Amino acid sequence: MSCIPKPKMRGLHLASCRRHIILAVITSACSGLLWKLFVADPRKKAYRDYYLDYDAEFSAEYMSEYLQSGNHNGDH
């Protein structure tokens, strides 16, 4: 008759928690790096490119056509 070995129960919860914490840290670090590379950096570049040739005077003139309080010409 063969004996079935007893399962290792001592320290099982601690080992499981340790494994899950390590996996969570690795996953969150990878997610943060991927977010930075594929979302934050392109967004920064888009803002930088937009404001390189941004003309505030032109934007103010353009918006004043549509806003009632922005009457800079004195027509009304």
Protein backbone atom coordinates (compact mmCIF):
# COMPACT_ATOMS: atom_id res chain seq x y z
CA MET A 1 0.00 0.00 0.00
CA SER A 2 1.49 3.33 -1.02
CA CYS A 3 1.25 6.35 1.20
CA ILE A 4 0.13 9.65 -0.22
CA PRO A 5 2.51 12.38 0.94
CA LYS A 6 0.99 15.12 3.05
CA PRO A 7 0.64 18.49 1.33
CA LYS A 8 2.94 21.27 2.47
CA MET A 9 0.64 23.56 4.42
CA ARG A 10 3.15 25.37 6.59
CA GLY A 11 4.02 28.74 5.06
CA LEU A 12 1.71 28.25 2.09
CA HIS A 13 -0.21 31.48 2.69
CA LEU A 14 2.99 33.49 3.18
CA ALA A 15 4.51 32.07 -0.01
CA SER A 16 1.32 32.81 -1.93
CA CYS A 17 1.17 36.39 -0.64
CA ARG A 18 4.84 36.96 -1.43
CA ARG A 19 4.37 35.66 -4.99
CA HIS A 20 1.30 37.83 -5.57
CA ILE A 21 2.99 40.95 -4.19
CA ILE A 22 6.01 40.43 -6.43
CA LEU A 23 3.77 39.91 -9.45
CA ALA A 24 1.72 43.01 -8.57
CA VAL A 25 4.85 45.17 -8.29
CA ILE A 26 6.22 43.90 -11.61
CA THR A 27 2.87 44.37 -13.34
CA SER A 28 2.38 47.89 -12.03
CA ALA A 29 5.94 48.90 -12.96
CA CYS A 30 5.46 47.57 -16.49
CA SER A 31 2.08 49.29 -16.78
CA GLY A 32 3.54 52.59 -15.61
CA LEU A 33 6.41 52.35 -18.07
CA LEU A 34 4.09 51.48 -20.96
CA TRP A 35 1.75 54.37 -20.02
CA LYS A 36 4.69 56.77 -19.99
CA LEU A 37 6.02 55.55 -23.34
CA PHE A 38 2.75 55.29 -25.24
CA VAL A 39 0.53 57.96 -23.65
CA ALA A 40 2.42 60.58 -21.64
CA ASP A 41 5.40 61.13 -23.95
CA PRO A 42 3.29 61.47 -27.15
CA ARG A 43 0.96 63.84 -25.28
CA LYS A 44 3.93 65.95 -24.15
CA LYS A 45 5.26 66.01 -27.69
CA ALA A 46 1.86 67.05 -29.07
CA TYR A 47 1.61 69.94 -26.59
CA ARG A 48 5.20 70.98 -27.32
CA ASP A 49 4.57 70.95 -31.08
CA TYR A 50 1.31 72.88 -30.66
CA TYR A 51 2.86 75.64 -28.59
CA LEU A 52 5.97 76.03 -30.75
CA ASP A 53 4.03 77.97 -33.37
CA TYR A 54 1.15 79.17 -31.18
CA ASP A 55 0.15 82.77 -31.83
CA ALA A 56 -1.79 84.19 -28.90
CA GLU A 57 -2.80 87.39 -30.75
CA PHE A 58 -4.28 85.42 -33.63
CA SER A 59 -6.18 83.16 -31.24
CA ALA A 60 -7.57 86.15 -29.33
CA GLU A 61 -8.74 87.77 -32.57
CA TYR A 62 -10.26 84.51 -33.78
CA MET A 63 -12.11 83.88 -30.50
CA SER A 64 -13.34 87.46 -30.25
CA GLU A 65 -15.47 86.85 -33.34
CA TYR A 66 -17.45 84.23 -31.43
CA LEU A 67 -17.53 85.69 -27.92
CA GLN A 68 -19.84 88.56 -27.07
CA SER A 69 -17.62 90.02 -24.36
CA GLY A 70 -14.55 89.93 -26.59
CA ASN A 71 -15.43 92.98 -28.70
CA HIS A 72 -11.98 94.39 -29.43
CA ASN A 73 -12.99 96.28 -32.60
CA GLY A 74 -15.58 98.55 -30.98
CA ASP A 75 -18.23 97.76 -33.61
CA HIS A 76 -21.13 97.17 -31.23
